Amino acid sequence: AYFTRTECVAGVQDMRFQEFMPDILHWLGITRIDRLVSMSN
């Protein structure tokens, strides 16, 4: 019920909009990451 409780309160599970996050990586000039320390799909 982990995500259900969030939706009941907030109406949505997540509002981080990760599609904008890579902008910082592109600012750094990154084109390849050898090791990504993240499990987030």
PDB file of all heavy atoms in Angstrom:
ATOM      1  N   ALA A   1       0.817  -1.221   0.000  1.00  0.00           N
ATOM      2  CA  ALA A   1       0.000   0.000   0.000  1.00  0.00           C
ATOM      3  C   ALA A   1       0.846   1.264   0.000  1.00  0.00           C
ATOM      4  O   ALA A   1       0.332   2.361   0.203  1.00  0.00           O
ATOM      5  CB  ALA A   1      -0.930  -0.004   1.228  1.00  0.00           C
ATOM      6  N   TYR A   2       2.145   1.105  -0.245  1.00  0.00           N
ATOM      7  CA  TYR A   2       3.090   2.220  -0.134  1.00  0.00           C
ATOM      8  C   TYR A   2       2.692   3.403  -1.020  1.00  0.00           C
ATOM      9  O   TYR A   2       2.590   4.538  -0.560  1.00  0.00           O
ATOM     10  CB  TYR A   2       4.486   1.723  -0.499  1.00  0.00           C
ATOM     11  CG  TYR A   2       5.547   2.788  -0.538  1.00  0.00           C
ATOM     12  CD1 TYR A   2       6.149   3.243   0.627  1.00  0.00           C
ATOM     13  CD2 TYR A   2       5.975   3.337  -1.745  1.00  0.00           C
ATOM     14  CE1 TYR A   2       7.140   4.219   0.595  1.00  0.00           C
ATOM     15  CE2 TYR A   2       6.962   4.303  -1.794  1.00  0.00           C
ATOM     16  CZ  TYR A   2       7.534   4.748  -0.624  1.00  0.00           C
ATOM     17  OH  TYR A   2       8.498   5.712  -0.659  1.00  0.00           O
ATOM     18  N   PHE A   3       2.463   3.157  -2.306  1.00  0.00           N
ATOM     19  CA  PHE A   3       2.151   4.249  -3.221  1.00  0.00           C
ATOM     20  C   PHE A   3       0.701   4.708  -3.091  1.00  0.00           C
ATOM     21  O   PHE A   3       0.387   5.877  -3.330  1.00  0.00           O
ATOM     22  CB  PHE A   3       2.436   3.831  -4.665  1.00  0.00           C
ATOM     23  CG  PHE A   3       3.897   3.684  -4.970  1.00  0.00           C
ATOM     24  CD1 PHE A   3       4.459   2.428  -5.159  1.00  0.00           C
ATOM     25  CD2 PHE A   3       4.715   4.797  -5.060  1.00  0.00           C
ATOM     26  CE1 PHE A   3       5.810   2.289  -5.441  1.00  0.00           C
ATOM     27  CE2 PHE A   3       6.073   4.669  -5.338  1.00  0.00           C
ATOM     28  CZ  PHE A   3       6.617   3.413  -5.532  1.00  0.00           C
ATOM     29  N   THR A   4      -0.186   3.800  -2.697  1.00  0.00           N
ATOM     30  CA  THR A   4      -1.605   4.147  -2.561  1.00  0.00           C
ATOM     31  C   THR A   4      -1.810   5.232  -1.526  1.00  0.00           C
ATOM     32  O   THR A   4      -2.606   6.166  -1.724  1.00  0.00           O
ATOM     33  CB  THR A   4      -2.421   2.902  -2.174  1.00  0.00           C
ATOM     34  OG1 THR A   4      -2.214   1.884  -3.152  1.00  0.00           O
ATOM     35  CG2 THR A   4      -3.911   3.230  -2.102  1.00  0.00           C
ATOM     36  N   ARG A   5      -1.111   5.135  -0.400  1.00  0.00           N
ATOM     37  CA  ARG A   5      -1.269   6.145   0.654  1.00  0.00           C
ATOM     38  C   ARG A   5      -0.825   7.520   0.152  1.00  0.00           C
ATOM     39  O   ARG A   5      -1.439   8.539   0.472  1.00  0.00           O
ATOM     40  CB  ARG A   5      -0.430   5.763   1.874  1.00  0.00           C
ATOM     41  CG  ARG A   5      -0.883   4.546   2.645  1.00  0.00           C
ATOM     42  CD  ARG A   5      -2.286   4.718   3.223  1.00  0.00           C
ATOM     43  NE  ARG A   5      -3.300   4.213   2.307  1.00  0.00           N
ATOM     44  CZ  ARG A   5      -4.554   4.612   2.268  1.00  0.00           C
ATOM     45  NH1 ARG A   5      -4.971   5.567   3.055  1.00  0.00           N
ATOM     46  NH2 ARG A   5      -5.407   4.086   1.424  1.00  0.00           N
ATOM     47  N   THR A   6       0.228   7.568  -0.655  1.00  0.00           N
ATOM     48  CA  THR A   6       0.683   8.847  -1.202  1.00  0.00           C
ATOM     49  C   THR A   6      -0.376   9.446  -2.109  1.00  0.00           C
ATOM     50  O   THR A   6      -0.678  10.645  -2.040  1.00  0.00           O
ATOM     51  CB  THR A   6       1.999   8.661  -1.991  1.00  0.00           C
ATOM     52  OG1 THR A   6       2.988   8.106  -1.122  1.00  0.00           O
ATOM     53  CG2 THR A   6       2.498   9.991  -2.526  1.00  0.00           C
ATOM     54  N   GLU A   7      -0.959   8.625  -2.975  1.00  0.00           N
ATOM     55  CA  GLU A   7      -1.975   9.112  -3.899  1.00  0.00           C
ATOM     56  C   GLU A   7      -3.216   9.595  -3.157  1.00  0.00           C
ATOM     57  O   GLU A   7      -3.846  10.577  -3.572  1.00  0.00           O
ATOM     58  CB  GLU A   7      -2.352   8.016  -4.888  1.00  0.00           C
ATOM     59  CG  GLU A   7      -1.272   7.728  -5.921  1.00  0.00           C
ATOM     60  CD  GLU A   7      -1.741   6.751  -6.981  1.00  0.00           C
ATOM     61  OE1 GLU A   7      -2.892   6.279  -6.887  1.00  0.00           O
ATOM     62  OE2 GLU A   7      -0.968   6.457  -7.900  1.00  0.00           O
ATOM     63  N   CYS A   8      -3.567   8.926  -2.056  1.00  0.00           N
ATOM     64  CA  CYS A   8      -4.748   9.349  -1.298  1.00  0.00           C
ATOM     65  C   CYS A   8      -4.575  10.762  -0.744  1.00  0.00           C
ATOM     66  O   CYS A   8      -5.516  11.549  -0.720  1.00  0.00           O
ATOM     67  CB  CYS A   8      -5.014   8.367  -0.148  1.00  0.00           C
ATOM     68  SG  CYS A   8      -5.645   6.764  -0.674  1.00  0.00           S
ATOM     69  N   VAL A   9      -3.370  11.080  -0.296  1.00  0.00           N
ATOM     70  CA  VAL A   9      -3.114  12.400   0.290  1.00  0.00           C
ATOM     71  C   VAL A   9      -2.821  13.445  -0.785  1.00  0.00           C
ATOM     72  O   VAL A   9      -3.393  14.532  -0.800  1.00  0.00           O
ATOM     73  CB  VAL A   9      -1.928  12.333   1.284  1.00  0.00           C
ATOM     74  CG1 VAL A   9      -1.610  13.733   1.831  1.00  0.00           C
ATOM     75  CG2 VAL A   9      -2.263  11.390   2.441  1.00  0.00           C
ATOM     76  N   ALA A  10      -1.917  13.109  -1.717  1.00  0.00           N
ATOM     77  CA  ALA A  10      -1.429  14.100  -2.683  1.00  0.00           C
ATOM     78  C   ALA A  10      -2.164  14.078  -4.014  1.00  0.00           C
ATOM     79  O   ALA A  10      -2.083  15.039  -4.781  1.00  0.00           O
ATOM     80  CB  ALA A  10       0.060  13.887  -2.928  1.00  0.00           C
ATOM     81  N   GLY A  11      -2.849  12.978  -4.311  1.00  0.00           N
ATOM     82  CA  GLY A  11      -3.534  12.863  -5.593  1.00  0.00           C
ATOM     83  C   GLY A  11      -2.637  12.334  -6.694  1.00  0.00           C
ATOM     84  O   GLY A  11      -3.100  12.062  -7.803  1.00  0.00           O
ATOM     85  N   VAL A  12      -1.356  12.201  -6.408  1.00  0.00           N
ATOM     86  CA  VAL A  12      -0.374  11.737  -7.388  1.00  0.00           C
ATOM     87  C   VAL A  12       0.798  11.126  -6.627  1.00  0.00           C
ATOM     88  O   VAL A  12       1.041  11.474  -5.462  1.00  0.00           O
ATOM     89  CB  VAL A  12       0.096  12.922  -8.274  1.00  0.00           C
ATOM     90  CG1 VAL A  12       0.856  13.953  -7.452  1.00  0.00           C
ATOM     91  CG2 VAL A  12       0.935  12.461  -9.446  1.00  0.00           C
ATOM     92  N   GLN A  13       1.504  10.195  -7.231  1.00  0.00           N
ATOM     93  CA  GLN A  13       2.628   9.559  -6.545  1.00  0.00           C
ATOM     94  C   GLN A  13       3.875  10.423  -6.512  1.00  0.00           C
ATOM     95  O   GLN A  13       4.656  10.364  -5.572  1.00  0.00           O
ATOM     96  CB  GLN A  13       2.977   8.230  -7.241  1.00  0.00           C
ATOM     97  CG  GLN A  13       1.955   7.137  -7.083  1.00  0.00           C
ATOM     98  CD  GLN A  13       2.412   5.838  -7.728  1.00  0.00           C
ATOM     99  OE1 GLN A  13       3.571   5.690  -8.130  1.00  0.00           O
ATOM    100  NE2 GLN A  13       1.511   4.882  -7.842  1.00  0.00           N
ATOM    101  N   ASP A  14       4.069  11.241  -7.546  1.00  0.00           N
ATOM    102  CA  ASP A  14       5.369  11.881  -7.728  1.00  0.00           C
ATOM    103  C   ASP A  14       5.197  13.132  -8.576  1.00  0.00           C
ATOM    104  O   ASP A  14       4.465  13.114  -9.572  1.00  0.00           O
ATOM    105  CB  ASP A  14       6.315  10.894  -8.441  1.00  0.00           C
ATOM    106  CG  ASP A  14       7.769  11.308  -8.404  1.00  0.00           C
ATOM    107  OD1 ASP A  14       8.069  12.422  -8.855  1.00  0.00           O
ATOM    108  OD2 ASP A  14       8.600  10.509  -7.943  1.00  0.00           O
ATOM    109  N   MET A  15       5.856  14.240  -8.203  1.00  0.00           N
ATOM    110  CA  MET A  15       5.804  15.460  -9.010  1.00  0.00           C
ATOM    111  C   MET A  15       7.203  16.017  -9.294  1.00  0.00           C
ATOM    112  O   MET A  15       7.376  17.212  -9.495  1.00  0.00           O
ATOM    113  CB  MET A  15       4.946  16.540  -8.317  1.00  0.00           C
ATOM    114  CG  MET A  15       3.482  16.194  -8.224  1.00  0.00           C
ATOM    115  SD  MET A  15       2.373  17.572  -7.880  1.00  0.00           S
ATOM    116  CE  MET A  15       3.038  18.225  -6.357  1.00  0.00           C
ATOM    117  N   ARG A  16       8.193  15.129  -9.322  1.00  0.00           N
ATOM    118  CA  ARG A  16       9.566  15.594  -9.549  1.00  0.00           C
ATOM    119  C   ARG A  16       9.860  15.904 -11.015  1.00  0.00           C
ATOM    120  O   ARG A  16      10.792  16.630 -11.324  1.00  0.00           O
ATOM    121  CB  ARG A  16      10.568  14.552  -9.030  1.00  0.00           C
ATOM    122  CG  ARG A  16      10.670  14.503  -7.532  1.00  0.00           C
ATOM    123  CD  ARG A  16      11.542  13.358  -7.076  1.00  0.00           C
ATOM    124  NE  ARG A  16      10.916  12.057  -7.338  1.00  0.00           N
ATOM    125  CZ  ARG A  16      11.454  10.892  -6.997  1.00  0.00           C
ATOM    126  NH1 ARG A  16      12.631  10.854  -6.405  1.00  0.00           N
ATOM    127  NH2 ARG A  16      10.818   9.763  -7.259  1.00  0.00           N
ATOM    128  N   PHE A  17       9.089  15.327 -11.919  1.00  0.00           N
ATOM    129  CA  PHE A  17       9.290  15.538 -13.352  1.00  0.00           C
ATOM    130  C   PHE A  17      10.759  15.341 -13.726  1.00  0.00           C
ATOM    131  O   PHE A  17      11.473  16.262 -14.092  1.00  0.00           O
ATOM    132  CB  PHE A  17       8.772  16.911 -13.787  1.00  0.00           C
ATOM    133  CG  PHE A  17       7.279  17.021 -13.711  1.00  0.00           C
ATOM    134  CD1 PHE A  17       6.664  17.588 -12.601  1.00  0.00           C
ATOM    135  CD2 PHE A  17       6.485  16.498 -14.722  1.00  0.00           C
ATOM    136  CE1 PHE A  17       5.282  17.641 -12.509  1.00  0.00           C
ATOM    137  CE2 PHE A  17       5.098  16.544 -14.636  1.00  0.00           C
ATOM    138  CZ  PHE A  17       4.484  17.120 -13.536  1.00  0.00           C
ATOM    139  N   GLN A  18      11.160  14.082 -13.645  1.00  0.00           N
ATOM    140  CA  GLN A  18      12.557  13.735 -13.879  1.00  0.00           C
ATOM    141  C   GLN A  18      13.018  14.053 -15.301  1.00  0.00           C
ATOM    142  O   GLN A  18      14.229  14.102 -15.560  1.00  0.00           O
ATOM    143  CB  GLN A  18      12.780  12.244 -13.582  1.00  0.00           C
ATOM    144  CG  GLN A  18      12.490  11.819 -12.150  1.00  0.00           C
ATOM    145  CD  GLN A  18      13.495  12.373 -11.150  1.00  0.00           C
ATOM    146  OE1 GLN A  18      14.383  13.142 -11.496  1.00  0.00           O
ATOM    147  NE2 GLN A  18      13.354  11.980  -9.892  1.00  0.00           N
ATOM    148  N   GLU A  19      12.083  14.294 -16.218  1.00  0.00           N
ATOM    149  CA  GLU A  19      12.494  14.598 -17.586  1.00  0.00           C
ATOM    150  C   GLU A  19      13.303  15.890 -17.695  1.00  0.00           C
ATOM    151  O   GLU A  19      13.997  16.119 -18.693  1.00  0.00           O
ATOM    152  CB  GLU A  19      11.281  14.668 -18.528  1.00  0.00           C
ATOM    153  CG  GLU A  19      10.161  15.562 -18.069  1.00  0.00           C
ATOM    154  CD  GLU A  19       9.044  14.804 -17.376  1.00  0.00           C
ATOM    155  OE1 GLU A  19       9.332  14.135 -16.366  1.00  0.00           O
ATOM    156  OE2 GLU A  19       7.891  14.876 -17.833  1.00  0.00           O
ATOM    157  N   PHE A  20      13.257  16.743 -16.647  1.00  0.00           N
ATOM    158  CA  PHE A  20      14.061  17.963 -16.662  1.00  0.00           C
ATOM    159  C   PHE A  20      15.416  17.778 -15.976  1.00  0.00           C
ATOM    160  O   PHE A  20      16.323  18.584 -16.158  1.00  0.00           O
ATOM    161  CB  PHE A  20      13.308  19.109 -15.980  1.00  0.00           C
ATOM    162  CG  PHE A  20      12.019  19.455 -16.670  1.00  0.00           C
ATOM    163  CD1 PHE A  20      10.792  19.249 -16.049  1.00  0.00           C
ATOM    164  CD2 PHE A  20      12.019  19.965 -17.956  1.00  0.00           C
ATOM    165  CE1 PHE A  20       9.608  19.543 -16.691  1.00  0.00           C
ATOM    166  CE2 PHE A  20      10.835  20.273 -18.608  1.00  0.00           C
ATOM    167  CZ  PHE A  20       9.624  20.054 -17.972  1.00  0.00           C
ATOM    168  N   MET A  21      15.549  16.720 -15.198  1.00  0.00           N
ATOM    169  CA  MET A  21      16.770  16.488 -14.425  1.00  0.00           C
ATOM    170  C   MET A  21      18.032  16.364 -15.281  1.00  0.00           C
ATOM    171  O   MET A  21      19.095  16.881 -14.907  1.00  0.00           O
ATOM    172  CB  MET A  21      16.576  15.250 -13.540  1.00  0.00           C
ATOM    173  CG  MET A  21      17.802  14.711 -12.874  1.00  0.00           C
ATOM    174  SD  MET A  21      18.619  13.440 -13.905  1.00  0.00           S
ATOM    175  CE  MET A  21      17.384  12.162 -13.897  1.00  0.00           C
ATOM    176  N   PRO A  22      17.984  15.713 -16.467  1.00  0.00           N
ATOM    177  CA  PRO A  22      19.224  15.571 -17.247  1.00  0.00           C
ATOM    178  C   PRO A  22      19.820  16.883 -17.733  1.00  0.00           C
ATOM    179  O   PRO A  22      20.972  16.895 -18.187  1.00  0.00           O
ATOM    180  CB  PRO A  22      18.774  14.692 -18.437  1.00  0.00           C
ATOM    181  CG  PRO A  22      17.587  13.946 -17.938  1.00  0.00           C
ATOM    182  CD  PRO A  22      16.891  14.918 -17.045  1.00  0.00           C
ATOM    183  N   ASP A  23      19.074  17.987 -17.644  1.00  0.00           N
ATOM    184  CA  ASP A  23      19.625  19.281 -18.070  1.00  0.00           C
ATOM    185  C   ASP A  23      20.941  19.583 -17.355  1.00  0.00           C
ATOM    186  O   ASP A  23      21.872  20.126 -17.958  1.00  0.00           O
ATOM    187  CB  ASP A  23      18.622  20.407 -17.794  1.00  0.00           C
ATOM    188  CG  ASP A  23      17.429  20.363 -18.732  1.00  0.00           C
ATOM    189  OD1 ASP A  23      17.189  19.309 -19.340  1.00  0.00           O
ATOM    190  OD2 ASP A  23      16.740  21.389 -18.861  1.00  0.00           O
ATOM    191  N   ILE A  24      21.007  19.243 -16.073  1.00  0.00           N
ATOM    192  CA  ILE A  24      22.239  19.490 -15.311  1.00  0.00           C
ATOM    193  C   ILE A  24      23.377  18.639 -15.853  1.00  0.00           C
ATOM    194  O   ILE A  24      24.525  19.098 -15.970  1.00  0.00           O
ATOM    195  CB  ILE A  24      22.007  19.209 -13.816  1.00  0.00           C
ATOM    196  CG1 ILE A  24      20.963  20.171 -13.255  1.00  0.00           C
ATOM    197  CG2 ILE A  24      23.314  19.321 -13.037  1.00  0.00           C
ATOM    198  CD1 ILE A  24      20.611  19.922 -11.810  1.00  0.00           C
ATOM    199  N   LEU A  25      23.078  17.403 -16.207  1.00  0.00           N
ATOM    200  CA  LEU A  25      24.104  16.522 -16.771  1.00  0.00           C
ATOM    201  C   LEU A  25      24.591  17.069 -18.112  1.00  0.00           C
ATOM    202  O   LEU A  25      25.793  17.025 -18.406  1.00  0.00           O
ATOM    203  CB  LEU A  25      23.542  15.111 -16.930  1.00  0.00           C
ATOM    204  CG  LEU A  25      22.962  14.465 -15.659  1.00  0.00           C
ATOM    205  CD1 LEU A  25      22.419  13.076 -15.968  1.00  0.00           C
ATOM    206  CD2 LEU A  25      23.997  14.404 -14.546  1.00  0.00           C
ATOM    207  N   HIS A  26      23.678  17.594 -18.921  1.00  0.00           N
ATOM    208  CA  HIS A  26      24.070  18.175 -20.208  1.00  0.00           C
ATOM    209  C   HIS A  26      24.861  19.470 -20.001  1.00  0.00           C
ATOM    210  O   HIS A  26      25.768  19.777 -20.783  1.00  0.00           O
ATOM    211  CB  HIS A  26      22.834  18.429 -21.064  1.00  0.00           C
ATOM    212  CG  HIS A  26      22.202  17.173 -21.585  1.00  0.00           C
ATOM    213  ND1 HIS A  26      22.853  16.316 -22.440  1.00  0.00           N
ATOM    214  CD2 HIS A  26      20.979  16.628 -21.357  1.00  0.00           C
ATOM    215  CE1 HIS A  26      22.053  15.292 -22.725  1.00  0.00           C
ATOM    216  NE2 HIS A  26      20.916  15.456 -22.078  1.00  0.00           N
ATOM    217  N   TRP A  27      24.533  20.227 -18.957  1.00  0.00           N
ATOM    218  CA  TRP A  27      25.324  21.427 -18.640  1.00  0.00           C
ATOM    219  C   TRP A  27      26.773  21.042 -18.336  1.00  0.00           C
ATOM    220  O   TRP A  27      27.701  21.752 -18.711  1.00  0.00           O
ATOM    221  CB  TRP A  27      24.708  22.164 -17.450  1.00  0.00           C
ATOM    222  CG  TRP A  27      25.552  23.293 -16.948  1.00  0.00           C
ATOM    223  CD1 TRP A  27      25.804  24.478 -17.594  1.00  0.00           C
ATOM    224  CD2 TRP A  27      26.274  23.348 -15.711  1.00  0.00           C
ATOM    225  NE1 TRP A  27      26.640  25.264 -16.821  1.00  0.00           N
ATOM    226  CE2 TRP A  27      26.942  24.595 -15.672  1.00  0.00           C
ATOM    227  CE3 TRP A  27      26.416  22.484 -14.641  1.00  0.00           C
ATOM    228  CZ2 TRP A  27      27.737  24.983 -14.591  1.00  0.00           C
ATOM    229  CZ3 TRP A  27      27.205  22.856 -13.570  1.00  0.00           C
ATOM    230  CH2 TRP A  27      27.857  24.100 -13.557  1.00  0.00           C
ATOM    231  N   LEU A  28      26.952  19.908 -17.685  1.00  0.00           N
ATOM    232  CA  LEU A  28      28.300  19.426 -17.366  1.00  0.00           C
ATOM    233  C   LEU A  28      28.996  18.827 -18.583  1.00  0.00           C
ATOM    234  O   LEU A  28      30.193  18.529 -18.521  1.00  0.00           O
ATOM    235  CB  LEU A  28      28.225  18.377 -16.259  1.00  0.00           C
ATOM    236  CG  LEU A  28      27.821  18.883 -14.864  1.00  0.00           C
ATOM    237  CD1 LEU A  28      27.474  17.709 -13.958  1.00  0.00           C
ATOM    238  CD2 LEU A  28      28.921  19.731 -14.252  1.00  0.00           C
ATOM    239  N   GLY A  29      28.270  18.637 -19.669  1.00  0.00           N
ATOM    240  CA  GLY A  29      28.856  18.054 -20.876  1.00  0.00           C
ATOM    241  C   GLY A  29      28.874  16.541 -20.883  1.00  0.00           C
ATOM    242  O   GLY A  29      29.575  15.914 -21.679  1.00  0.00           O
ATOM    243  N   ILE A  30      28.078  15.917 -20.016  1.00  0.00           N
ATOM    244  CA  ILE A  30      28.071  14.455 -19.896  1.00  0.00           C
ATOM    245  C   ILE A  30      27.359  13.821 -21.084  1.00  0.00           C
ATOM    246  O   ILE A  30      26.246  14.219 -21.444  1.00  0.00           O
ATOM    247  CB  ILE A  30      27.383  14.030 -18.582  1.00  0.00           C
ATOM    248  CG1 ILE A  30      28.243  14.448 -17.380  1.00  0.00           C
ATOM    249  CG2 ILE A  30      27.121  12.526 -18.551  1.00  0.00           C
ATOM    250  CD1 ILE A  30      27.580  14.212 -16.031  1.00  0.00           C
ATOM    251  N   THR A  31      27.995  12.835 -21.696  1.00  0.00           N
ATOM    252  CA  THR A  31      27.378  12.059 -22.771  1.00  0.00           C
ATOM    253  C   THR A  31      27.345  10.567 -22.430  1.00  0.00           C
ATOM    254  O   THR A  31      26.633   9.803 -23.077  1.00  0.00           O
ATOM    255  CB  THR A  31      28.144  12.247 -24.100  1.00  0.00           C
ATOM    256  OG1 THR A  31      29.516  11.884 -23.919  1.00  0.00           O
ATOM    257  CG2 THR A  31      28.056  13.704 -24.566  1.00  0.00           C
ATOM    258  N   ARG A  32      28.140  10.157 -21.421  1.00  0.00           N
ATOM    259  CA  ARG A  32      28.162   8.757 -20.999  1.00  0.00           C
ATOM    260  C   ARG A  32      28.400   8.681 -19.502  1.00  0.00           C
ATOM    261  O   ARG A  32      29.237   9.402 -18.960  1.00  0.00           O
ATOM    262  CB  ARG A  32      29.279   7.996 -21.720  1.00  0.00           C
ATOM    263  CG  ARG A  32      29.266   6.476 -21.471  1.00  0.00           C
ATOM    264  CD  ARG A  32      30.584   5.829 -21.871  1.00  0.00           C
ATOM    265  NE  ARG A  32      31.646   6.152 -20.927  1.00  0.00           N
ATOM    266  CZ  ARG A  32      32.905   6.386 -21.276  1.00  0.00           C
ATOM    267  NH1 ARG A  32      33.249   6.394 -22.549  1.00  0.00           N
ATOM    268  NH2 ARG A  32      33.822   6.655 -20.355  1.00  0.00           N
ATOM    269  N   ILE A  33      27.633   7.820 -18.841  1.00  0.00           N
ATOM    270  CA  ILE A  33      27.822   7.546 -17.417  1.00  0.00           C
ATOM    271  C   ILE A  33      28.233   6.087 -17.295  1.00  0.00           C
ATOM    272  O   ILE A  33      27.487   5.185 -17.692  1.00  0.00           O
ATOM    273  CB  ILE A  33      26.527   7.813 -16.614  1.00  0.00           C
ATOM    274  CG1 ILE A  33      26.137   9.292 -16.701  1.00  0.00           C
ATOM    275  CG2 ILE A  33      26.705   7.375 -15.160  1.00  0.00           C
ATOM    276  CD1 ILE A  33      24.778   9.600 -16.093  1.00  0.00           C
ATOM    277  N   ASP A  34      29.415   5.856 -16.765  1.00  0.00           N
ATOM    278  CA  ASP A  34      29.889   4.479 -16.633  1.00  0.00           C
ATOM    279  C   ASP A  34      29.181   3.748 -15.503  1.00  0.00           C
ATOM    280  O   ASP A  34      28.849   2.561 -15.634  1.00  0.00           O
ATOM    281  CB  ASP A  34      31.400   4.475 -16.399  1.00  0.00           C
ATOM    282  CG  ASP A  34      32.154   5.025 -17.603  1.00  0.00           C
ATOM    283  OD1 ASP A  34      32.292   4.294 -18.596  1.00  0.00           O
ATOM    284  OD2 ASP A  34      32.570   6.193 -17.550  1.00  0.00           O
ATOM    285  N   ARG A  35      28.948   4.453 -14.397  1.00  0.00           N
ATOM    286  CA  ARG A  35      28.297   3.817 -13.250  1.00  0.00           C
ATOM    287  C   ARG A  35      27.258   4.780 -12.694  1.00  0.00           C
ATOM    288  O   ARG A  35      27.603   5.833 -12.161  1.00  0.00           O
ATOM    289  CB  ARG A  35      29.323   3.437 -12.181  1.00  0.00           C
ATOM    290  CG  ARG A  35      30.482   2.606 -12.732  1.00  0.00           C
ATOM    291  CD  ARG A  35      31.520   2.275 -11.685  1.00  0.00           C
ATOM    292  NE  ARG A  35      31.088   1.175 -10.836  1.00  0.00           N
ATOM    293  CZ  ARG A  35      30.976   1.226  -9.514  1.00  0.00           C
ATOM    294  NH1 ARG A  35      31.252   2.348  -8.880  1.00  0.00           N
ATOM    295  NH2 ARG A  35      30.598   0.176  -8.819  1.00  0.00           N
ATOM    296  N   LEU A  36      25.992   4.421 -12.833  1.00  0.00           N
ATOM    297  CA  LEU A  36      24.892   5.229 -12.308  1.00  0.00           C
ATOM    298  C   LEU A  36      24.437   4.614 -10.993  1.00  0.00           C
ATOM    299  O   LEU A  36      23.891   3.505 -10.960  1.00  0.00           O
ATOM    300  CB  LEU A  36      23.731   5.274 -13.305  1.00  0.00           C
ATOM    301  CG  LEU A  36      22.483   6.053 -12.854  1.00  0.00           C
ATOM    302  CD1 LEU A  36      22.803   7.527 -12.650  1.00  0.00           C
ATOM    303  CD2 LEU A  36      21.343   5.884 -13.857  1.00  0.00           C
ATOM    304  N   VAL A  37      24.664   5.335  -9.898  1.00  0.00           N
ATOM    305  CA  VAL A  37      24.313   4.830  -8.562  1.00  0.00           C
ATOM    306  C   VAL A  37      22.870   5.208  -8.279  1.00  0.00           C
ATOM    307  O   VAL A  37      22.562   6.173  -7.579  1.00  0.00           O
ATOM    308  CB  VAL A  37      25.271   5.390  -7.490  1.00  0.00           C
ATOM    309  CG1 VAL A  37      25.032   4.694  -6.150  1.00  0.00           C
ATOM    310  CG2 VAL A  37      26.716   5.210  -7.914  1.00  0.00           C
ATOM    311  N   SER A  38      21.962   4.447  -8.857  1.00  0.00           N
ATOM    312  CA  SER A  38      20.536   4.719  -8.719  1.00  0.00           C
ATOM    313  C   SER A  38      19.747   3.496  -9.144  1.00  0.00           C
ATOM    314  O   SER A  38      20.116   2.815 -10.102  1.00  0.00           O
ATOM    315  CB  SER A  38      20.121   5.920  -9.581  1.00  0.00           C
ATOM    316  OG  SER A  38      18.720   6.102  -9.568  1.00  0.00           O
ATOM    317  N   MET A  39      18.654   3.225  -8.441  1.00  0.00           N
ATOM    318  CA  MET A  39      17.749   2.152  -8.813  1.00  0.00           C
ATOM    319  C   MET A  39      16.500   2.687  -9.513  1.00  0.00           C
ATOM    320  O   MET A  39      15.685   1.913 -10.009  1.00  0.00           O
ATOM    321  CB  MET A  39      17.337   1.359  -7.566  1.00  0.00           C
ATOM    322  CG  MET A  39      18.493   0.671  -6.862  1.00  0.00           C
ATOM    323  SD  MET A  39      18.051   0.032  -5.225  1.00  0.00           S
ATOM    324  CE  MET A  39      16.957  -1.310  -5.642  1.00  0.00           C
ATOM    325  N   SER A  40      16.352   4.017  -9.544  1.00  0.00           N
ATOM    326  CA  SER A  40      15.126   4.634 -10.050  1.00  0.00           C
ATOM    327  C   SER A  40      14.961   4.419 -11.549  1.00  0.00           C
ATOM    328  O   SER A  40      15.812   4.828 -12.348  1.00  0.00           O
ATOM    329  CB  SER A  40      15.138   6.135  -9.751  1.00  0.00           C
ATOM    330  OG  SER A  40      14.084   6.792 -10.432  1.00  0.00           O
ATOM    331  N   ASN A  41      13.857   3.807 -11.927  1.00  0.00           N
ATOM    332  CA  ASN A  41      13.573   3.643 -13.352  1.00  0.00           C
ATOM    333  C   ASN A  41      13.237   4.981 -13.999  1.00  0.00           C
ATOM    334  O   ASN A  41      13.553   5.214 -15.172  1.00  0.00           O
ATOM    335  CB  ASN A  41      12.426   2.645 -13.553  1.00  0.00           C
ATOM    336  CG  ASN A  41      11.173   3.012 -12.764  1.00  0.00           C
ATOM    337  OD1 ASN A  41      11.268   3.434 -11.608  1.00  0.00           O
ATOM    338  ND2 ASN A  41      10.003   2.850 -13.367  1.00  0.00           N
TER     339      ASN A  41
END
